[in-house]
N, C-alpha and C. Protein backbone atom coordinates (compact mmCIF):
# COMPACT_ATOMS: atom_id res chain seq x y z
N UNK A 1 -21.73 -16.88 27.61
CA UNK A 1 -21.35 -16.82 26.29
C UNK A 1 -19.97 -15.91 25.74
N UNK A 2 -19.19 -16.56 25.17
CA UNK A 2 -17.81 -15.91 25.02
C UNK A 2 -18.18 -15.27 23.70
N UNK A 3 -17.16 -14.22 23.30
CA UNK A 3 -17.29 -13.65 22.34
C UNK A 3 -15.69 -13.56 21.40
N UNK A 4 -15.76 -13.97 20.62
CA UNK A 4 -14.22 -14.49 20.09
C UNK A 4 -14.22 -13.50 19.11
N UNK A 5 -12.97 -12.47 19.30
CA UNK A 5 -12.43 -11.76 18.19
C UNK A 5 -11.93 -12.51 16.98
N UNK A 6 -12.20 -11.54 15.98
CA UNK A 6 -11.90 -12.22 14.91
C UNK A 6 -9.94 -12.11 14.48
N UNK A 7 -9.08 -12.98 14.15
CA UNK A 7 -7.92 -12.34 13.87
C UNK A 7 -7.55 -11.20 12.90
N UNK A 8 -6.95 -10.37 13.37
CA UNK A 8 -6.61 -9.26 12.74
C UNK A 8 -5.59 -9.69 11.30
N UNK A 9 -5.58 -9.15 9.94
CA UNK A 9 -5.33 -9.33 9.05
C UNK A 9 -3.89 -8.74 9.00
N UNK A 10 -2.69 -9.25 8.51
CA UNK A 10 -1.34 -8.56 8.86
C UNK A 10 -1.17 -7.86 7.07
N UNK A 11 -0.88 -6.99 7.22
CA UNK A 11 -0.44 -5.60 6.08
C UNK A 11 1.18 -6.32 5.31
N UNK A 12 1.55 -6.98 4.43
CA UNK A 12 2.89 -7.80 4.19
C UNK A 12 3.63 -6.26 4.00
N UNK A 13 5.31 -6.73 3.76
CA UNK A 13 6.08 -5.13 3.30
C UNK A 13 5.60 -5.64 1.72
N UNK A 14 6.01 -4.68 1.24
CA UNK A 14 6.11 -4.49 -0.51
C UNK A 14 7.58 -4.72 -1.11
N UNK A 15 8.57 -4.62 -0.18
CA UNK A 15 9.70 -4.26 -0.98
C UNK A 15 11.03 -5.05 0.20
N UNK A 16 12.00 -5.68 -0.27
CA UNK A 16 13.12 -6.40 0.51
C UNK A 16 13.76 -5.31 1.60
N UNK A 17 13.53 -3.69 1.50
CA UNK A 17 14.17 -3.04 2.33
C UNK A 17 13.26 -3.02 3.70
N UNK A 18 12.07 -3.65 3.31
CA UNK A 18 10.96 -3.37 4.71
C UNK A 18 10.56 -1.94 4.80
N UNK A 19 10.24 -1.20 4.05
CA UNK A 19 10.39 0.22 4.33
C UNK A 19 8.98 0.75 3.56
N UNK A 20 8.04 -0.24 3.11
CA UNK A 20 7.05 0.08 2.39
C UNK A 20 5.71 -1.31 2.90
N UNK A 21 4.61 -1.09 2.73
CA UNK A 21 3.51 -1.95 2.72
C UNK A 21 2.83 -1.67 1.69
N UNK A 22 2.46 -3.30 1.31
CA UNK A 22 1.28 -3.30 0.37
C UNK A 22 0.03 -3.73 0.85
N UNK A 23 -1.04 -2.65 0.60
CA UNK A 23 -2.36 -3.03 0.46
C UNK A 23 -3.16 -3.86 -0.48
N UNK A 24 -2.53 -4.08 -1.43
CA UNK A 24 -3.52 -4.82 -2.04
C UNK A 24 -3.71 -3.90 -3.50
N UNK A 25 -4.09 -4.27 -4.86
CA UNK A 25 -4.36 -3.39 -5.38
C UNK A 25 -3.10 -2.26 -6.43
N UNK A 26 -1.75 -2.74 -6.25
CA UNK A 26 -0.93 -1.62 -6.37
C UNK A 26 -0.85 -0.42 -5.41
N UNK A 27 -1.16 -0.84 -4.28
CA UNK A 27 -1.61 0.60 -3.32
C UNK A 27 -0.42 0.03 -2.27
N UNK A 28 0.89 0.43 -2.53
CA UNK A 28 1.92 0.63 -1.85
C UNK A 28 2.23 1.80 -1.23
N UNK A 29 2.49 1.68 0.12
CA UNK A 29 2.44 3.19 1.23
C UNK A 29 3.79 2.85 1.82
N UNK A 30 4.63 3.86 1.38
CA UNK A 30 5.97 4.40 1.93
C UNK A 30 6.30 4.71 3.71
N UNK A 31 5.25 5.51 3.75
CA UNK A 31 5.22 6.15 5.15
C UNK A 31 4.51 5.60 6.34
N UNK A 32 5.41 5.21 7.41
CA UNK A 32 4.93 4.41 8.38
C UNK A 32 3.50 4.99 8.99
N UNK A 33 3.30 6.30 9.23
CA UNK A 33 2.35 7.04 9.78
C UNK A 33 1.63 6.71 9.03
N UNK A 34 1.09 7.09 7.57
CA UNK A 34 -0.04 6.94 6.95
C UNK A 34 -0.26 5.90 6.77
N UNK A 35 0.59 4.62 6.78
CA UNK A 35 0.43 3.06 6.46
C UNK A 35 -0.17 2.49 7.87
N UNK A 36 0.09 2.74 9.47
CA UNK A 36 -0.06 2.55 9.98
C UNK A 36 -1.75 3.03 10.34
N UNK A 37 -2.16 4.40 9.61
CA UNK A 37 -3.78 4.60 10.00
C UNK A 37 -4.63 4.23 8.92
N UNK A 38 -4.12 3.99 7.79
CA UNK A 38 -4.28 3.02 6.78
C UNK A 38 -5.24 1.42 7.33
N UNK A 39 -4.07 0.89 7.88
CA UNK A 39 -4.17 -0.30 8.28
C UNK A 39 -5.06 -0.63 9.57
N UNK A 40 -5.29 0.49 10.25
CA UNK A 40 -5.89 0.38 11.65
C UNK A 40 -7.36 0.56 11.09
N UNK A 41 -7.62 1.71 10.11
CA UNK A 41 -8.89 1.86 9.48
C UNK A 41 -9.56 0.75 8.70
N UNK A 42 -8.59 -0.20 8.43
CA UNK A 42 -9.02 -1.42 8.00
C UNK A 42 -9.22 -2.52 8.86
N UNK A 43 -8.62 -2.28 10.09
CA UNK A 43 -8.73 -3.55 10.91
C UNK A 43 -7.66 -4.63 10.62
N UNK A 44 -6.64 -4.13 10.16
CA UNK A 44 -5.55 -4.76 10.15
C UNK A 44 -4.17 -4.09 10.88
N UNK A 45 -3.03 -5.04 10.97
CA UNK A 45 -1.62 -4.44 11.58
C UNK A 45 -0.56 -4.70 10.69
N UNK A 46 0.25 -3.83 10.59
CA UNK A 46 1.83 -3.99 10.13
C UNK A 46 2.34 -4.87 10.19
N UNK A 47 3.01 -5.76 9.11
CA UNK A 47 3.90 -6.33 9.71
C UNK A 47 5.16 -6.11 10.44
N UNK A 48 5.88 -6.34 11.03
CA UNK A 48 6.67 -5.80 11.75
C UNK A 48 8.28 -6.16 11.62
N UNK A 49 9.04 -5.45 10.94
CA UNK A 49 10.50 -5.76 10.80
C UNK A 49 11.29 -6.74 11.91
N UNK A 50 11.77 -7.80 11.70
CA UNK A 50 12.47 -8.29 12.58
C UNK A 50 14.25 -8.00 12.43
N UNK A 51 14.44 -7.58 13.72
CA UNK A 51 15.68 -7.02 14.07
C UNK A 51 16.69 -8.09 14.54
N UNK A 52 17.37 -8.71 13.33
CA UNK A 52 18.62 -10.14 14.06
C UNK A 52 19.89 -9.56 14.09
N UNK A 53 20.45 -10.14 15.21
CA UNK A 53 21.69 -9.51 15.17
C UNK A 53 22.39 -11.09 15.76
N UNK A 54 23.40 -10.78 15.19
CA UNK A 54 24.34 -12.10 15.34
C UNK A 54 25.50 -12.44 16.35
N UNK A 55 25.49 -10.87 16.94
CA UNK A 55 26.44 -10.76 18.01
C UNK A 55 25.58 -9.75 19.08
N UNK A 56 26.12 -9.85 20.13
CA UNK A 56 25.69 -8.64 21.51
C UNK A 56 26.36 -7.66 21.20
N UNK A 57 27.51 -7.35 20.72
CA UNK A 57 28.43 -6.77 20.62
C UNK A 57 28.31 -5.68 19.35
N UNK A 58 27.58 -6.05 18.42
CA UNK A 58 26.86 -5.42 17.14
C UNK A 58 25.59 -4.61 17.34
């Protein structure tokens, strides 16, 4: 019998600067380490910032 893992919920960014995470109920965390610990305690993961580069030279 296979044991299926539940998909992890992603904690979204709270702002356009991508430096704060919104845990809901007006709970916004600006510190990455604190946000990461809170997400792990709740069985969630933090959304990751995507680095887009338009050129390899930049």
